[in-house]
Amino acid sequence: MSKELVASGKLNKQVADELGIAIRTVEVHRARAFTKLGLRSAAELATLLERFELKR
């Protein structure tokens, strides 16, 4: 899953449509990524990515 699509605040359906995959696939991948990163929302992901970009 593209981190940019999730971080931009797009809905699961929008991400699925853009990637040509099932909505459920997006839901599962998003949930697993959030769990691994200790995140609870797309807003937290956006903050994390912003901090990462600033360190580059």
Protein backbone atom coordinates (compact mmCIF):
# COMPACT_ATOMS: atom_id res chain seq x y z
CA MET A 1 0.00 0.00 0.00
CA SER A 2 1.24 3.40 -0.80
CA LYS A 3 1.97 5.36 2.36
CA GLU A 4 1.18 8.56 0.50
CA LEU A 5 -2.39 7.44 -0.22
CA VAL A 6 -3.03 6.59 3.40
CA ALA A 7 -1.25 9.64 4.79
CA SER A 8 -3.20 11.92 2.48
CA GLY A 9 -6.34 10.95 4.36
CA LYS A 10 -7.97 9.00 1.57
CA LEU A 11 -10.68 6.53 2.45
CA ASN A 12 -10.05 2.79 2.13
CA LYS A 13 -12.36 2.70 -0.92
CA GLN A 14 -10.42 5.49 -2.62
CA VAL A 15 -7.09 3.77 -1.97
CA ALA A 16 -8.49 0.44 -3.22
CA ASP A 17 -9.83 2.04 -6.40
CA GLU A 18 -6.53 3.79 -7.15
CA LEU A 19 -4.51 0.61 -6.60
CA GLY A 20 -7.02 -1.71 -8.25
CA ILE A 21 -7.39 -3.94 -5.18
CA ALA A 22 -10.21 -4.96 -2.84
CA ILE A 23 -11.25 -2.64 -0.02
CA ARG A 24 -10.71 -5.48 2.46
CA THR A 25 -7.09 -5.78 1.29
CA VAL A 26 -6.52 -2.10 2.08
CA GLU A 27 -8.17 -2.51 5.49
CA VAL A 28 -5.97 -5.48 6.39
CA HIS A 29 -2.74 -3.88 5.20
CA ARG A 30 -3.54 -0.59 6.92
CA ALA A 31 -4.40 -2.33 10.20
CA ARG A 32 -1.20 -4.40 10.13
CA ALA A 33 0.98 -1.40 9.32
CA PHE A 34 -0.62 0.69 12.06
CA THR A 35 -0.15 -2.14 14.58
CA LYS A 36 3.52 -2.59 13.66
CA LEU A 37 4.14 1.15 13.90
CA GLY A 38 2.10 1.59 17.07
CA LEU A 39 -0.28 4.01 15.34
CA ARG A 40 -4.01 4.51 15.83
CA SER A 41 -4.91 6.82 12.96
CA ALA A 42 -3.90 8.15 9.56
CA ALA A 43 -3.19 11.48 11.26
CA GLU A 44 -0.53 9.80 13.41
CA LEU A 45 0.94 8.24 10.26
CA ALA A 46 1.06 11.65 8.57
CA THR A 47 2.88 13.10 11.59
CA LEU A 48 5.35 10.21 11.60
CA LEU A 49 6.04 10.62 7.88
CA GLU A 50 6.45 14.36 8.26
CA ARG A 51 9.04 13.88 11.00
CA PHE A 52 10.84 11.30 8.89
CA GLU A 53 10.95 13.65 5.89
CA LEU A 54 12.36 16.46 8.05
CA LYS A 55 15.23 14.23 9.16
CA ARG A 56 16.25 13.41 5.59
